[in-house]
Amino acid sequence: MATRRKPTAERRDPQALEERRLHAAELFAQDVHQAEVARTLGVSRQTVSRWHQRWQADGTAGLQSRGAPGRAPRCPTPNSSRLSRPC
């Protein structure tokens, strides 16, 4: 049986990703096996294993969003070319 991937927009939506992790936390609390959590949520077992480790260490808070990845922008505005001096 082939698994179906979620549409790209849904996979990259930070809110949807966090909701999926929090759903995993609910399933962990119900003692659902990690493989079943992976099948239910459409993610790999390795991903569920990482989530489970974070959940065991920090509870549901460990699965909440950590914010956008990467370095914070140096310039306060995206149109830095309009600034009189560089950032």
PDB file of N, CA and C in Angstrom:
ATOM      1  N   MET A   1       0.830  -1.172   0.000  1.00  0.00           N
ATOM      2  CA  MET A   1       0.000   0.000   0.000  1.00  0.00           C
ATOM      3  C   MET A   1       0.880   1.243   0.000  1.00  0.00           C
ATOM      4  N   ALA A   2       0.726   2.083  -0.984  1.00  0.00           N
ATOM      5  CA  ALA A   2       1.540   3.287  -1.098  1.00  0.00           C
ATOM      6  C   ALA A   2       0.971   4.378  -0.196  1.00  0.00           C
ATOM      7  N   THR A   3       1.884   5.111   0.420  1.00  0.00           N
ATOM      8  CA  THR A   3       1.427   6.225   1.252  1.00  0.00           C
ATOM      9  C   THR A   3       1.319   7.466   0.393  1.00  0.00           C
ATOM     10  N   ARG A   4       0.360   8.288   0.717  1.00  0.00           N
ATOM     11  CA  ARG A   4       0.150   9.514  -0.038  1.00  0.00           C
ATOM     12  C   ARG A   4       0.776  10.662   0.721  1.00  0.00           C
ATOM     13  N   ARG A   5       1.525  11.479   0.001  1.00  0.00           N
ATOM     14  CA  ARG A   5       2.144  12.643   0.616  1.00  0.00           C
ATOM     15  C   ARG A   5       1.155  13.783   0.683  1.00  0.00           C
ATOM     16  N   LYS A   6       1.304  14.596   1.700  1.00  0.00           N
ATOM     17  CA  LYS A   6       0.451  15.766   1.837  1.00  0.00           C
ATOM     18  C   LYS A   6       0.874  16.816   0.817  1.00  0.00           C
ATOM     19  N   PRO A   7      -0.050  17.669   0.373  1.00  0.00           N
ATOM     20  CA  PRO A   7       0.325  18.739  -0.553  1.00  0.00           C
ATOM     21  C   PRO A   7       1.439  19.604   0.033  1.00  0.00           C
ATOM     22  N   THR A   8       2.287  20.139  -0.837  1.00  0.00           N
ATOM     23  CA  THR A   8       3.451  20.912  -0.403  1.00  0.00           C
ATOM     24  C   THR A   8       3.062  22.071   0.499  1.00  0.00           C
ATOM     25  N   ALA A   9       2.010  22.800   0.157  1.00  0.00           N
ATOM     26  CA  ALA A   9       1.608  23.947   0.972  1.00  0.00           C
ATOM     27  C   ALA A   9       1.275  23.514   2.397  1.00  0.00           C
ATOM     28  N   GLU A  10       0.627  22.382   2.549  1.00  0.00           N
ATOM     29  CA  GLU A  10       0.276  21.901   3.880  1.00  0.00           C
ATOM     30  C   GLU A  10       1.511  21.451   4.641  1.00  0.00           C
ATOM     31  N   ARG A  11       2.461  20.842   3.947  1.00  0.00           N
ATOM     32  CA  ARG A  11       3.672  20.383   4.616  1.00  0.00           C
ATOM     33  C   ARG A  11       4.515  21.540   5.123  1.00  0.00           C
ATOM     34  N   ARG A  12       4.415  22.714   4.510  1.00  0.00           N
ATOM     35  CA  ARG A  12       5.255  23.842   4.887  1.00  0.00           C
ATOM     36  C   ARG A  12       4.548  24.868   5.756  1.00  0.00           C
ATOM     37  N   ASP A  13       3.295  24.662   6.057  1.00  0.00           N
ATOM     38  CA  ASP A  13       2.548  25.601   6.879  1.00  0.00           C
ATOM     39  C   ASP A  13       2.956  25.401   8.341  1.00  0.00           C
ATOM     40  N   PRO A  14       3.622  26.400   8.949  1.00  0.00           N
ATOM     41  CA  PRO A  14       4.110  26.226  10.327  1.00  0.00           C
ATOM     42  C   PRO A  14       3.005  25.877  11.317  1.00  0.00           C
ATOM     43  N   GLN A  15       1.832  26.462  11.165  1.00  0.00           N
ATOM     44  CA  GLN A  15       0.724  26.175  12.079  1.00  0.00           C
ATOM     45  C   GLN A  15       0.276  24.721  11.938  1.00  0.00           C
ATOM     46  N   ALA A  16       0.175  24.247  10.704  1.00  0.00           N
ATOM     47  CA  ALA A  16      -0.233  22.857  10.477  1.00  0.00           C
ATOM     48  C   ALA A  16       0.818  21.888  11.019  1.00  0.00           C
ATOM     49  N   LEU A  17       2.093  22.234  10.873  1.00  0.00           N
ATOM     50  CA  LEU A  17       3.159  21.369  11.380  1.00  0.00           C
ATOM     51  C   LEU A  17       3.102  21.274  12.903  1.00  0.00           C
ATOM     52  N   GLU A  18       2.876  22.426  13.552  1.00  0.00           N
ATOM     53  CA  GLU A  18       2.793  22.413  15.003  1.00  0.00           C
ATOM     54  C   GLU A  18       1.570  21.620  15.463  1.00  0.00           C
ATOM     55  N   GLU A  19       0.444  21.789  14.781  1.00  0.00           N
ATOM     56  CA  GLU A  19      -0.753  21.025  15.140  1.00  0.00           C
ATOM     57  C   GLU A  19      -0.501  19.528  15.015  1.00  0.00           C
ATOM     58  N   ARG A  20       0.253  19.129  14.007  1.00  0.00           N
ATOM     59  CA  ARG A  20       0.561  17.712  13.821  1.00  0.00           C
ATOM     60  C   ARG A  20       1.424  17.198  14.971  1.00  0.00           C
ATOM     61  N   ARG A  21       2.428  17.996  15.385  1.00  0.00           N
ATOM     62  CA  ARG A  21       3.265  17.582  16.515  1.00  0.00           C
ATOM     63  C   ARG A  21       2.455  17.495  17.803  1.00  0.00           C
ATOM     64  N   LEU A  22       1.546  18.448  18.015  1.00  0.00           N
ATOM     65  CA  LEU A  22       0.733  18.428  19.223  1.00  0.00           C
ATOM     66  C   LEU A  22      -0.253  17.252  19.201  1.00  0.00           C
ATOM     67  N   HIS A  23      -0.729  16.889  18.009  1.00  0.00           N
ATOM     68  CA  HIS A  23      -1.570  15.693  17.892  1.00  0.00           C
ATOM     69  C   HIS A  23      -0.753  14.458  18.279  1.00  0.00           C
ATOM     70  N   ALA A  24       0.511  14.443  17.870  1.00  0.00           N
ATOM     71  CA  ALA A  24       1.391  13.334  18.253  1.00  0.00           C
ATOM     72  C   ALA A  24       1.519  13.265  19.769  1.00  0.00           C
ATOM     73  N   ALA A  25       1.632  14.416  20.430  1.00  0.00           N
ATOM     74  CA  ALA A  25       1.745  14.432  21.892  1.00  0.00           C
ATOM     75  C   ALA A  25       0.507  13.812  22.536  1.00  0.00           C
ATOM     76  N   GLU A  26      -0.668  14.103  21.986  1.00  0.00           N
ATOM     77  CA  GLU A  26      -1.902  13.506  22.510  1.00  0.00           C
ATOM     78  C   GLU A  26      -1.858  11.988  22.357  1.00  0.00           C
ATOM     79  N   LEU A  27      -1.363  11.522  21.213  1.00  0.00           N
ATOM     80  CA  LEU A  27      -1.286  10.078  20.984  1.00  0.00           C
ATOM     81  C   LEU A  27      -0.249   9.435  21.901  1.00  0.00           C
ATOM     82  N   PHE A  28       0.878  10.115  22.137  1.00  0.00           N
ATOM     83  CA  PHE A  28       1.887   9.585  23.062  1.00  0.00           C
ATOM     84  C   PHE A  28       1.290   9.429  24.454  1.00  0.00           C
ATOM     85  N   ALA A  29       0.492  10.412  24.871  1.00  0.00           N
ATOM     86  CA  ALA A  29      -0.131  10.367  26.201  1.00  0.00           C
ATOM     87  C   ALA A  29      -1.104   9.194  26.323  1.00  0.00           C
ATOM     88  N   GLN A  30      -1.656   8.742  25.189  1.00  0.00           N
ATOM     89  CA  GLN A  30      -2.570   7.600  25.182  1.00  0.00           C
ATOM     90  C   GLN A  30      -1.820   6.287  24.978  1.00  0.00           C
ATOM     91  N   ASP A  31      -0.503   6.315  25.024  1.00  0.00           N
ATOM     92  CA  ASP A  31       0.353   5.130  24.846  1.00  0.00           C
ATOM     93  C   ASP A  31       0.180   4.456  23.493  1.00  0.00           C
ATOM     94  N   VAL A  32      -0.070   5.245  22.462  1.00  0.00           N
ATOM     95  CA  VAL A  32      -0.129   4.713  21.101  1.00  0.00           C
ATOM     96  C   VAL A  32       1.298   4.453  20.649  1.00  0.00           C
ATOM     97  N   HIS A  33       1.550   3.321  20.004  1.00  0.00           N
ATOM     98  CA  HIS A  33       2.884   2.973  19.527  1.00  0.00           C
ATOM     99  C   HIS A  33       3.370   3.995  18.504  1.00  0.00           C
ATOM    100  N   GLN A  34       4.671   4.226  18.506  1.00  0.00           N
ATOM    101  CA  GLN A  34       5.255   5.222  17.609  1.00  0.00           C
ATOM    102  C   GLN A  34       4.969   4.911  16.145  1.00  0.00           C
ATOM    103  N   ALA A  35       5.009   3.648  15.760  1.00  0.00           N
ATOM    104  CA  ALA A  35       4.734   3.288  14.362  1.00  0.00           C
ATOM    105  C   ALA A  35       3.299   3.668  13.978  1.00  0.00           C
ATOM    106  N   GLU A  36       2.370   3.489  14.901  1.00  0.00           N
ATOM    107  CA  GLU A  36       0.980   3.859  14.631  1.00  0.00           C
ATOM    108  C   GLU A  36       0.832   5.380  14.549  1.00  0.00           C
ATOM    109  N   VAL A  37       1.548   6.102  15.390  1.00  0.00           N
ATOM    110  CA  VAL A  37       1.530   7.569  15.322  1.00  0.00           C
ATOM    111  C   VAL A  37       2.046   8.021  13.956  1.00  0.00           C
ATOM    112  N   ALA A  38       3.123   7.397  13.493  1.00  0.00           N
ATOM    113  CA  ALA A  38       3.695   7.749  12.185  1.00  0.00           C
ATOM    114  C   ALA A  38       2.693   7.502  11.068  1.00  0.00           C
ATOM    115  N   ARG A  39       2.017   6.358  11.091  1.00  0.00           N
ATOM    116  CA  ARG A  39       1.013   6.058  10.065  1.00  0.00           C
ATOM    117  C   ARG A  39      -0.156   7.034  10.139  1.00  0.00           C
ATOM    118  N   THR A  40      -0.614   7.315  11.339  1.00  0.00           N
ATOM    119  CA  THR A  40      -1.763   8.205  11.515  1.00  0.00           C
ATOM    120  C   THR A  40      -1.478   9.608  11.004  1.00  0.00           C
ATOM    121  N   LEU A  41      -0.280  10.112  11.271  1.00  0.00           N
ATOM    122  CA  LEU A  41       0.060  11.492  10.933  1.00  0.00           C
ATOM    123  C   LEU A  41       0.763  11.633   9.579  1.00  0.00           C
ATOM    124  N   GLY A  42       1.124  10.522   8.973  1.00  0.00           N
ATOM    125  CA  GLY A  42       1.757  10.573   7.654  1.00  0.00           C
ATOM    126  C   GLY A  42       3.183  11.069   7.675  1.00  0.00           C
ATOM    127  N   VAL A  43       3.917  10.711   8.732  1.00  0.00           N
ATOM    128  CA  VAL A  43       5.326  11.089   8.837  1.00  0.00           C
ATOM    129  C   VAL A  43       6.161   9.831   9.053  1.00  0.00           C
ATOM    130  N   SER A  44       7.474   9.975   8.984  1.00  0.00           N
ATOM    131  CA  SER A  44       8.346   8.817   9.148  1.00  0.00           C
ATOM    132  C   SER A  44       8.437   8.398  10.614  1.00  0.00           C
ATOM    133  N   ARG A  45       8.802   7.158  10.830  1.00  0.00           N
ATOM    134  CA  ARG A  45       8.986   6.663  12.198  1.00  0.00           C
ATOM    135  C   ARG A  45      10.132   7.393  12.877  1.00  0.00           C
ATOM    136  N   GLN A  46      11.155   7.754  12.105  1.00  0.00           N
ATOM    137  CA  GLN A  46      12.292   8.483  12.666  1.00  0.00           C
ATOM    138  C   GLN A  46      11.851   9.840  13.209  1.00  0.00           C
ATOM    139  N   THR A  47      10.971  10.513  12.477  1.00  0.00           N
ATOM    140  CA  THR A  47      10.452  11.802  12.932  1.00  0.00           C
ATOM    141  C   THR A  47       9.673  11.624  14.223  1.00  0.00           C
ATOM    142  N   VAL A  48       8.833  10.608  14.274  1.00  0.00           N
ATOM    143  CA  VAL A  48       8.045  10.348  15.477  1.00  0.00           C
ATOM    144  C   VAL A  48       8.969  10.008  16.641  1.00  0.00           C
ATOM    145  N   SER A  49      10.041   9.295  16.379  1.00  0.00           N
ATOM    146  CA  SER A  49      10.994   8.959  17.436  1.00  0.00           C
ATOM    147  C   SER A  49      11.615  10.232  18.023  1.00  0.00           C
ATOM    148  N   ARG A  50      11.986  11.179  17.165  1.00  0.00           N
ATOM    149  CA  ARG A  50      12.546  12.455  17.648  1.00  0.00           C
ATOM    150  C   ARG A  50      11.504  13.223  18.457  1.00  0.00           C
ATOM    151  N   TRP A  51      10.273  13.269  17.946  1.00  0.00           N
ATOM    152  CA  TRP A  51       9.203  13.950  18.678  1.00  0.00           C
ATOM    153  C   TRP A  51       8.981  13.299  20.036  1.00  0.00           C
ATOM    154  N   HIS A  52       9.015  11.969  20.070  1.00  0.00           N
ATOM    155  CA  HIS A  52       8.775  11.259  21.317  1.00  0.00           C
ATOM    156  C   HIS A  52       9.864  11.581  22.338  1.00  0.00           C
ATOM    157  N   GLN A  53      11.104  11.656  21.896  1.00  0.00           N
ATOM    158  CA  GLN A  53      12.202  12.018  22.793  1.00  0.00           C
ATOM    159  C   GLN A  53      11.990  13.420  23.359  1.00  0.00           C
ATOM    160  N   ARG A  54      11.609  14.360  22.492  1.00  0.00           N
ATOM    161  CA  ARG A  54      11.355  15.732  22.949  1.00  0.00           C
ATOM    162  C   ARG A  54      10.164  15.766  23.902  1.00  0.00           C
ATOM    163  N   TRP A  55       9.134  14.971  23.602  1.00  0.00           N
ATOM    164  CA  TRP A  55       7.947  14.925  24.452  1.00  0.00           C
ATOM    165  C   TRP A  55       8.286  14.357  25.828  1.00  0.00           C
ATOM    166  N   GLN A  56       9.110  13.300  25.866  1.00  0.00           N
ATOM    167  CA  GLN A  56       9.506  12.716  27.144  1.00  0.00           C
ATOM    168  C   GLN A  56      10.338  13.691  27.968  1.00  0.00           C
ATOM    169  N   ALA A  57      11.183  14.464  27.310  1.00  0.00           N
ATOM    170  CA  ALA A  57      12.064  15.392  28.017  1.00  0.00           C
ATOM    171  C   ALA A  57      11.333  16.648  28.489  1.00  0.00           C
ATOM    172  N   ASP A  58      10.480  17.209  27.630  1.00  0.00           N
ATOM    173  CA  ASP A  58       9.895  18.518  27.920  1.00  0.00           C
ATOM    174  C   ASP A  58       8.375  18.547  27.900  1.00  0.00           C
ATOM    175  N   GLY A  59       7.727  17.425  27.694  1.00  0.00           N
ATOM    176  CA  GLY A  59       6.275  17.403  27.617  1.00  0.00           C
ATOM    177  C   GLY A  59       5.776  18.038  26.334  1.00  0.00           C
ATOM    178  N   THR A  60       4.533  18.452  26.339  1.00  0.00           N
ATOM    179  CA  THR A  60       3.927  19.049  25.147  1.00  0.00           C
ATOM    180  C   THR A  60       4.665  20.322  24.731  1.00  0.00           C
ATOM    181  N   ALA A  61       5.195  21.051  25.696  1.00  0.00           N
ATOM    182  CA  ALA A  61       5.931  22.281  25.378  1.00  0.00           C
ATOM    183  C   ALA A  61       7.133  21.999  24.476  1.00  0.00           C
ATOM    184  N   GLY A  62       7.702  20.814  24.581  1.00  0.00           N
ATOM    185  CA  GLY A  62       8.847  20.462  23.746  1.00  0.00           C
ATOM    186  C   GLY A  62       8.492  20.291  22.283  1.00  0.00           C
ATOM    187  N   LEU A  63       7.203  20.155  21.978  1.00  0.00           N
ATOM    188  CA  LEU A  63       6.770  19.976  20.599  1.00  0.00           C
ATOM    189  C   LEU A  63       6.153  21.237  20.010  1.00  0.00           C
ATOM    190  N   GLN A  64       6.086  22.302  20.787  1.00  0.00           N
ATOM    191  CA  GLN A  64       5.549  23.551  20.262  1.00  0.00           C
ATOM    192  C   GLN A  64       6.572  24.203  19.349  1.00  0.00           C
ATOM    193  N   SER A  65       6.100  25.122  18.538  1.00  0.00           N
ATOM    194  CA  SER A  65       6.952  25.777  17.557  1.00  0.00           C
ATOM    195  C   SER A  65       8.118  26.496  18.224  1.00  0.00           C
ATOM    196  N   ARG A  66       9.266  26.401  17.608  1.00  0.00           N
ATOM    197  CA  ARG A  66      10.461  27.098  18.094  1.00  0.00           C
ATOM    198  C   ARG A  66      10.693  28.392  17.324  1.00  0.00           C
ATOM    199  N   GLY A  67       9.751  28.745  16.475  1.00  0.00           N
ATOM    200  CA  GLY A  67       9.909  29.947  15.665  1.00  0.00           C
ATOM    201  C   GLY A  67      10.534  29.616  14.326  1.00  0.00           C
ATOM    202  N   ALA A  68      10.700  30.630  13.519  1.00  0.00           N
ATOM    203  CA  ALA A  68      11.264  30.436  12.187  1.00  0.00           C
ATOM    204  C   ALA A  68      12.730  30.026  12.287  1.00  0.00           C
ATOM    205  N   PRO A  69      13.143  29.070  11.465  1.00  0.00           N
ATOM    206  CA  PRO A  69      14.544  28.650  11.506  1.00  0.00           C
ATOM    207  C   PRO A  69      15.451  29.686  10.855  1.00  0.00           C
ATOM    208  N   GLY A  70      16.693  29.630  11.194  1.00  0.00           N
ATOM    209  CA  GLY A  70      17.672  30.506  10.563  1.00  0.00           C
ATOM    210  C   GLY A  70      17.944  31.763  11.364  1.00  0.00           C
ATOM    211  N   ARG A  71      18.849  32.511  10.844  1.00  0.00           N
ATOM    212  CA  ARG A  71      19.290  33.740  11.473  1.00  0.00           C
ATOM    213  C   ARG A  71      18.250  34.843  11.307  1.00  0.00           C
ATOM    214  N   ALA A  72      18.139  35.704  12.297  1.00  0.00           N
ATOM    215  CA  ALA A  72      17.232  36.846  12.200  1.00  0.00           C
ATOM    216  C   ALA A  72      17.780  37.828  11.158  1.00  0.00           C
ATOM    217  N   PRO A  73      16.905  38.493  10.407  1.00  0.00           N
ATOM    218  CA  PRO A  73      17.392  39.433   9.393  1.00  0.00           C
ATOM    219  C   PRO A  73      18.136  40.600  10.025  1.00  0.00           C
ATOM    220  N   ARG A  74      19.146  41.091   9.327  1.00  0.00           N
ATOM    221  CA  ARG A  74      19.936  42.212   9.834  1.00  0.00           C
ATOM    222  C   ARG A  74      19.195  43.532   9.682  1.00  0.00           C
ATOM    223  N   CYS A  75      18.452  43.669   8.610  1.00  0.00           N
ATOM    224  CA  CYS A  75      17.749  44.919   8.334  1.00  0.00           C
ATOM    225  C   CYS A  75      16.314  44.834   8.853  1.00  0.00           C
ATOM    226  N   PRO A  76      15.804  45.937   9.375  1.00  0.00           N
ATOM    227  CA  PRO A  76      14.435  45.900   9.884  1.00  0.00           C
ATOM    228  C   PRO A  76      13.384  45.826   8.787  1.00  0.00           C
ATOM    229  N   THR A  77      13.724  46.227   7.557  1.00  0.00           N
ATOM    230  CA  THR A  77      12.776  46.194   6.449  1.00  0.00           C
ATOM    231  C   THR A  77      13.332  45.362   5.311  1.00  0.00           C
ATOM    232  N   PRO A  78      12.469  44.733   4.533  1.00  0.00           N
ATOM    233  CA  PRO A  78      12.959  43.920   3.427  1.00  0.00           C
ATOM    234  C   PRO A  78      13.515  44.744   2.280  1.00  0.00           C
ATOM    235  N   ASN A  79      13.178  46.030   2.182  1.00  0.00           N
ATOM    236  CA  ASN A  79      13.640  46.884   1.088  1.00  0.00           C
ATOM    237  C   ASN A  79      14.842  47.709   1.514  1.00  0.00           C
ATOM    238  N   SER A  80      15.936  47.046   1.832  1.00  0.00           N
ATOM    239  CA  SER A  80      17.107  47.753   2.330  1.00  0.00           C
ATOM    240  C   SER A  80      17.741  48.648   1.272  1.00  0.00           C
ATOM    241  N   SER A  81      17.423  48.414  -0.016  1.00  0.00           N
ATOM    242  CA  SER A  81      18.020  49.239  -1.070  1.00  0.00           C
ATOM    243  C   SER A  81      17.522  50.679  -0.987  1.00  0.00           C
ATOM    244  N   ARG A  82      16.384  50.904  -0.347  1.00  0.00           N
ATOM    245  CA  ARG A  82      15.843  52.261  -0.224  1.00  0.00           C
ATOM    246  C   ARG A  82      16.449  53.027   0.950  1.00  0.00           C
ATOM    247  N   LEU A  83      17.182  52.371   1.792  1.00  0.00           N
ATOM    248  CA  LEU A  83      17.758  53.034   2.952  1.00  0.00           C
ATOM    249  C   LEU A  83      18.894  53.937   2.515  1.00  0.00           C
ATOM    250  N   SER A  84      19.094  55.002   3.246  1.00  0.00           N
ATOM    251  CA  SER A  84      20.153  55.938   2.913  1.00  0.00           C
ATOM    252  C   SER A  84      21.511  55.351   3.210  1.00  0.00           C
ATOM    253  N   ARG A  85      21.584  54.469   4.175  1.00  0.00           N
ATOM    254  CA  ARG A  85      22.860  53.805   4.480  1.00  0.00           C
ATOM    255  C   ARG A  85      22.595  52.316   4.646  1.00  0.00           C
ATOM    256  N   PRO A  86      23.575  51.504   4.365  1.00  0.00           N
ATOM    257  CA  PRO A  86      23.358  50.045   4.496  1.00  0.00           C
ATOM    258  C   PRO A  86      23.210  49.651   5.956  1.00  0.00           C
ATOM    259  N   CYS A  87      22.554  48.541   6.166  1.00  0.00           N
ATOM    260  CA  CYS A  87      22.336  48.026   7.537  1.00  0.00           C
ATOM    261  C   CYS A  87      23.615  47.490   8.102  1.00  0.00           C
TER     262      CYS A  87
END
